[in-house]
C-alpha atoms as a PDB file:
ATOM      1  CA  MET A   1     -12.435 -33.621  20.473  1.00  0.00           C
ATOM      2  CA  SER A   2     -15.340 -34.968  18.903  1.00  0.00           C
ATOM      3  CA  THR A   3     -17.769 -38.095  19.554  1.00  0.00           C
ATOM      4  CA  PHE A   4     -16.933 -40.690  17.855  1.00  0.00           C
ATOM      5  CA  MET A   5     -19.959 -42.158  15.376  1.00  0.00           C
ATOM      6  CA  PRO A   6     -19.282 -45.444  13.508  1.00  0.00           C
ATOM      7  CA  LYS A   7     -22.062 -45.731  10.631  1.00  0.00           C
ATOM      8  CA  ALA A   8     -23.129 -48.454   8.983  1.00  0.00           C
ATOM      9  CA  SER A   9     -20.642 -49.281   7.121  1.00  0.00           C
ATOM     10  CA  ASP A  10     -17.808 -49.247   9.374  1.00  0.00           C
ATOM     11  CA  ILE A  11     -19.121 -52.533  11.945  1.00  0.00           C
ATOM     12  CA  GLU A  12     -17.084 -55.396  11.410  1.00  0.00           C
ATOM     13  CA  ARG A  13     -19.454 -58.701  12.400  1.00  0.00           C
ATOM     14  CA  LYS A  14     -18.082 -61.757  14.115  1.00  0.00           C
ATOM     15  CA  TRP A  15     -18.944 -65.423  14.424  1.00  0.00           C
ATOM     16  CA  TYR A  16     -18.926 -66.918  17.901  1.00  0.00           C
ATOM     17  CA  VAL A  17     -19.700 -70.021  19.218  1.00  0.00           C
ATOM     18  CA  ILE A  18     -21.584 -71.080  22.850  1.00  0.00           C
ATOM     19  CA  ASP A  19     -21.977 -73.924  24.073  1.00  0.00           C
ATOM     20  CA  ALA A  20     -24.687 -74.718  26.315  1.00  0.00           C
ATOM     21  CA  ALA A  21     -24.178 -77.959  27.560  1.00  0.00           C
ATOM     22  CA  GLY A  22     -25.097 -78.281  30.958  1.00  0.00           C
ATOM     23  CA  LYS A  23     -25.342 -74.964  31.902  1.00  0.00           C
ATOM     24  CA  PRO A  24     -29.049 -72.706  32.697  1.00  0.00           C
ATOM     25  CA  LEU A  25     -30.838 -71.637  29.678  1.00  0.00           C
ATOM     26  CA  GLY A  26     -31.319 -67.721  30.837  1.00  0.00           C
ATOM     27  CA  ARG A  27     -27.501 -67.846  31.611  1.00  0.00           C
ATOM     28  CA  VAL A  28     -26.680 -68.589  27.914  1.00  0.00           C
ATOM     29  CA  ALA A  29     -29.324 -66.356  26.568  1.00  0.00           C
ATOM     30  CA  VAL A  30     -27.929 -63.848  28.628  1.00  0.00           C
ATOM     31  CA  ALA A  31     -24.227 -64.077  26.968  1.00  0.00           C
ATOM     32  CA  ALA A  32     -26.359 -64.446  23.669  1.00  0.00           C
ATOM     33  CA  ALA A  33     -28.292 -61.573  23.321  1.00  0.00           C
ATOM     34  CA  ASP A  34     -25.111 -59.361  24.125  1.00  0.00           C
ATOM     35  CA  LEU A  35     -22.836 -60.522  21.910  1.00  0.00           C
ATOM     36  CA  LEU A  36     -26.097 -60.121  19.379  1.00  0.00           C
ATOM     37  CA  ARG A  37     -26.747 -56.357  20.392  1.00  0.00           C
ATOM     38  CA  GLY A  38     -22.693 -56.403  20.539  1.00  0.00           C
ATOM     39  CA  LYS A  39     -22.859 -54.529  24.214  1.00  0.00           C
ATOM     40  CA  GLY A  40     -19.753 -55.581  24.649  1.00  0.00           C
ATOM     41  CA  LYS A  41     -18.266 -53.730  21.328  1.00  0.00           C
ATOM     42  CA  PRO A  42     -15.441 -50.372  22.435  1.00  0.00           C
ATOM     43  CA  THR A  43     -18.294 -49.192  19.081  1.00  0.00           C
ATOM     44  CA  PHE A  44     -21.644 -49.617  20.420  1.00  0.00           C
ATOM     45  CA  VAL A  45     -24.178 -47.068  20.041  1.00  0.00           C
ATOM     46  CA  PRO A  46     -27.709 -47.869  21.171  1.00  0.00           C
ATOM     47  CA  HIS A  47     -29.195 -46.598  17.619  1.00  0.00           C
ATOM     48  CA  LEU A  48     -27.343 -48.831  15.321  1.00  0.00           C
ATOM     49  CA  ASP A  49     -27.295 -52.789  14.592  1.00  0.00           C
ATOM     50  CA  CYS A  50     -22.672 -53.165  15.764  1.00  0.00           C
ATOM     51  CA  GLY A  51     -23.700 -56.565  16.964  1.00  0.00           C
ATOM     52  CA  ASP A  52     -22.783 -60.158  16.203  1.00  0.00           C
ATOM     53  CA  HIS A  53     -23.665 -64.102  14.238  1.00  0.00           C
ATOM     54  CA  VAL A  54     -24.494 -66.346  17.217  1.00  0.00           C
ATOM     55  CA  ILE A  55     -24.093 -69.703  16.939  1.00  0.00           C
ATOM     56  CA  ILE A  56     -25.552 -71.727  20.198  1.00  0.00           C
ATOM     57  CA  ILE A  57     -24.877 -75.573  20.305  1.00  0.00           C
ATOM     58  CA  ASN A  58     -26.503 -78.916  22.226  1.00  0.00           C
ATOM     59  CA  ALA A  59     -29.488 -76.760  23.156  1.00  0.00           C
ATOM     60  CA  GLU A  60     -30.947 -80.028  24.256  1.00  0.00           C
ATOM     61  CA  LYS A  61     -28.222 -80.613  27.246  1.00  0.00           C
ATOM     62  CA  ALA A  62     -29.214 -76.483  28.533  1.00  0.00           C
ATOM     63  CA  VAL A  63     -31.141 -76.655  32.317  1.00  0.00           C
ATOM     64  CA  LEU A  64     -33.795 -75.443  34.027  1.00  0.00           C
ATOM     65  CA  THR A  65     -33.279 -74.662  37.293  1.00  0.00           C
ATOM     66  CA  GLY A  66     -35.766 -74.917  40.074  1.00  0.00           C
ATOM     67  CA  LYS A  67     -38.931 -76.402  39.779  1.00  0.00           C
ATOM     68  CA  LYS A  68     -39.447 -74.238  36.227  1.00  0.00           C
ATOM     69  CA  LEU A  69     -39.416 -77.969  33.466  1.00  0.00           C
ATOM     70  CA  ASP A  70     -42.771 -78.554  35.234  1.00  0.00           C
ATOM     71  CA  GLN A  71     -43.693 -75.070  36.554  1.00  0.00           C
ATOM     72  CA  LYS A  72     -43.429 -73.304  33.704  1.00  0.00           C
ATOM     73  CA  PHE A  73     -45.390 -73.168  30.224  1.00  0.00           C
ATOM     74  CA  TYR A  74     -44.642 -71.816  26.758  1.00  0.00           C
ATOM     75  CA  TYR A  75     -48.522 -69.857  25.045  1.00  0.00           C
ATOM     76  CA  ARG A  76     -49.440 -69.015  21.480  1.00  0.00           C
ATOM     77  CA  HIS A  77     -52.499 -68.704  20.809  1.00  0.00           C
ATOM     78  CA  THR A  78     -53.533 -69.344  17.151  1.00  0.00           C
ATOM     79  CA  GLY A  79     -56.162 -66.354  16.322  1.00  0.00           C
ATOM     80  CA  TYR A  80     -59.376 -68.430  17.070  1.00  0.00           C
ATOM     81  CA  ILE A  81     -61.556 -66.910  20.286  1.00  0.00           C
ATOM     82  CA  GLY A  82     -60.940 -69.441  22.968  1.00  0.00           C
ATOM     83  CA  HIS A  83     -57.630 -71.304  20.979  1.00  0.00           C
ATOM     84  CA  LEU A  84     -54.709 -70.681  23.776  1.00  0.00           C
ATOM     85  CA  LYS A  85     -52.248 -73.154  24.053  1.00  0.00           C
ATOM     86  CA  GLU A  86     -49.987 -74.255  26.135  1.00  0.00           C
ATOM     87  CA  VAL A  87     -47.048 -76.172  26.309  1.00  0.00           C
ATOM     88  CA  LYS A  88     -44.997 -77.270  29.945  1.00  0.00           C
ATOM     89  CA  TYR A  89     -41.352 -76.483  29.543  1.00  0.00           C
ATOM     90  CA  ARG A  90     -39.955 -80.523  29.950  1.00  0.00           C
ATOM     91  CA  THR A  91     -42.431 -81.177  26.874  1.00  0.00           C
ATOM     92  CA  LEU A  92     -40.457 -78.396  25.243  1.00  0.00           C
ATOM     93  CA  MET A  93     -37.965 -79.338  26.200  1.00  0.00           C
ATOM     94  CA  GLU A  94     -38.051 -82.712  25.095  1.00  0.00           C
ATOM     95  CA  THR A  95     -39.677 -81.527  21.628  1.00  0.00           C
ATOM     96  CA  ARG A  96     -37.930 -78.517  20.075  1.00  0.00           C
ATOM     97  CA  PRO A  97     -35.227 -76.898  22.918  1.00  0.00           C
ATOM     98  CA  GLU A  98     -34.387 -74.847  20.123  1.00  0.00           C
ATOM     99  CA  LEU A  99     -37.123 -72.839  20.265  1.00  0.00           C
ATOM    100  CA  ALA A 100     -37.685 -72.621  23.874  1.00  0.00           C
ATOM    101  CA  MET A 101     -33.490 -70.897  23.446  1.00  0.00           C
ATOM    102  CA  GLU A 102     -34.471 -68.879  20.518  1.00  0.00           C
ATOM    103  CA  LEU A 103     -37.188 -67.920  22.948  1.00  0.00           C
ATOM    104  CA  ALA A 104     -34.757 -67.439  25.458  1.00  0.00           C
ATOM    105  CA  VAL A 105     -32.466 -64.992  23.278  1.00  0.00           C
ATOM    106  CA  LYS A 106     -36.102 -63.047  22.046  1.00  0.00           C
ATOM    107  CA  GLY A 107     -37.189 -61.511  25.504  1.00  0.00           C
ATOM    108  CA  MET A 108     -33.405 -60.540  26.000  1.00  0.00           C
ATOM    109  CA  VAL A 109     -32.987 -58.367  22.660  1.00  0.00           C
ATOM    110  CA  PRO A 110     -34.667 -54.840  22.162  1.00  0.00           C
ATOM    111  CA  SER A 111     -38.635 -55.562  20.931  1.00  0.00           C
ATOM    112  CA  THR A 112     -37.016 -53.114  17.339  1.00  0.00           C
ATOM    113  CA  THR A 113     -36.792 -53.378  14.672  1.00  0.00           C
ATOM    114  CA  ILE A 114     -32.771 -53.532  15.570  1.00  0.00           C
ATOM    115  CA  GLY A 115     -34.145 -56.136  18.263  1.00  0.00           C
ATOM    116  CA  ARG A 116     -35.452 -57.578  15.424  1.00  0.00           C
ATOM    117  CA  SER A 117     -32.052 -58.314  13.215  1.00  0.00           C
ATOM    118  CA  ALA A 118     -30.365 -59.134  15.371  1.00  0.00           C
ATOM    119  CA  LEU A 119     -31.893 -62.291  15.799  1.00  0.00           C
ATOM    120  CA  THR A 120     -32.176 -62.675  11.869  1.00  0.00           C
ATOM    121  CA  ARG A 121     -27.839 -63.498  13.750  1.00  0.00           C
ATOM    122  CA  LEU A 122     -29.040 -66.534  15.826  1.00  0.00           C
ATOM    123  CA  ARG A 123     -28.679 -70.210  15.578  1.00  0.00           C
ATOM    124  CA  VAL A 124     -29.809 -72.476  16.889  1.00  0.00           C
ATOM    125  CA  TYR A 125     -28.709 -76.265  16.950  1.00  0.00           C
ATOM    126  CA  LYS A 126     -29.928 -79.038  18.514  1.00  0.00           C
ATOM    127  CA  GLY A 127     -27.036 -81.129  18.544  1.00  0.00           C
ATOM    128  CA  ALA A 128     -23.192 -80.422  18.910  1.00  0.00           C
ATOM    129  CA  GLU A 129     -22.845 -80.293  15.257  1.00  0.00           C
ATOM    130  CA  HIS A 130     -23.218 -76.884  13.210  1.00  0.00           C
ATOM    131  CA  LYS A 131     -23.375 -75.691   9.447  1.00  0.00           C
ATOM    132  CA  HIS A 132     -20.636 -72.469   9.850  1.00  0.00           C
ATOM    133  CA  ALA A 133     -17.592 -73.692  10.701  1.00  0.00           C
ATOM    134  CA  LEU A 134     -15.946 -71.887   7.985  1.00  0.00           C
ATOM    135  CA  GLN A 135     -16.722 -68.795   9.184  1.00  0.00           C
ATOM    136  CA  LYS A 136     -14.328 -69.517  12.005  1.00  0.00           C
ATOM    137  CA  PRO A 137     -16.282 -68.483  14.827  1.00  0.00           C
ATOM    138  CA  GLU A 138     -14.804 -67.751  18.068  1.00  0.00           C
ATOM    139  CA  VAL A 139     -16.048 -70.164  21.823  1.00  0.00           C
ATOM    140  CA  VAL A 140     -17.488 -67.872  24.194  1.00  0.00           C
ATOM    141  CA  ALA A 141     -16.137 -69.385  27.279  1.00  0.00           C
ATOM    142  CA  LEU A 142     -19.484 -68.447  30.335  1.00  0.00           C
END
């Protein structure tokens, strides 16, 4: 008996919805990263992109535990000397909660071509509405 190796054409992608309301940001990001990679599938192989599509709703209602709202920073560099910008997570969660969720998921997928292609299947929405109802996504309970 030989080992089963799926081909890229054999991969079936499903759609999932994760509601982040009242849940820790990191817990939601872990669940999304696992679904994006396809880690829960019996046909998972690390050298193929076999993950699913993930929709995260209510990103503005995700919580950060402890003192992370005031002590954690989001850093970015403009490309000019001395232009390192920093934003507190309290400000980031008030203005752009989708970015905070995307950054958390991005840190949990591999920084390879497989990880980058997996991130293209991630959709994050601020409120409870999303425009992917026609795909009939399944709700993931955390």
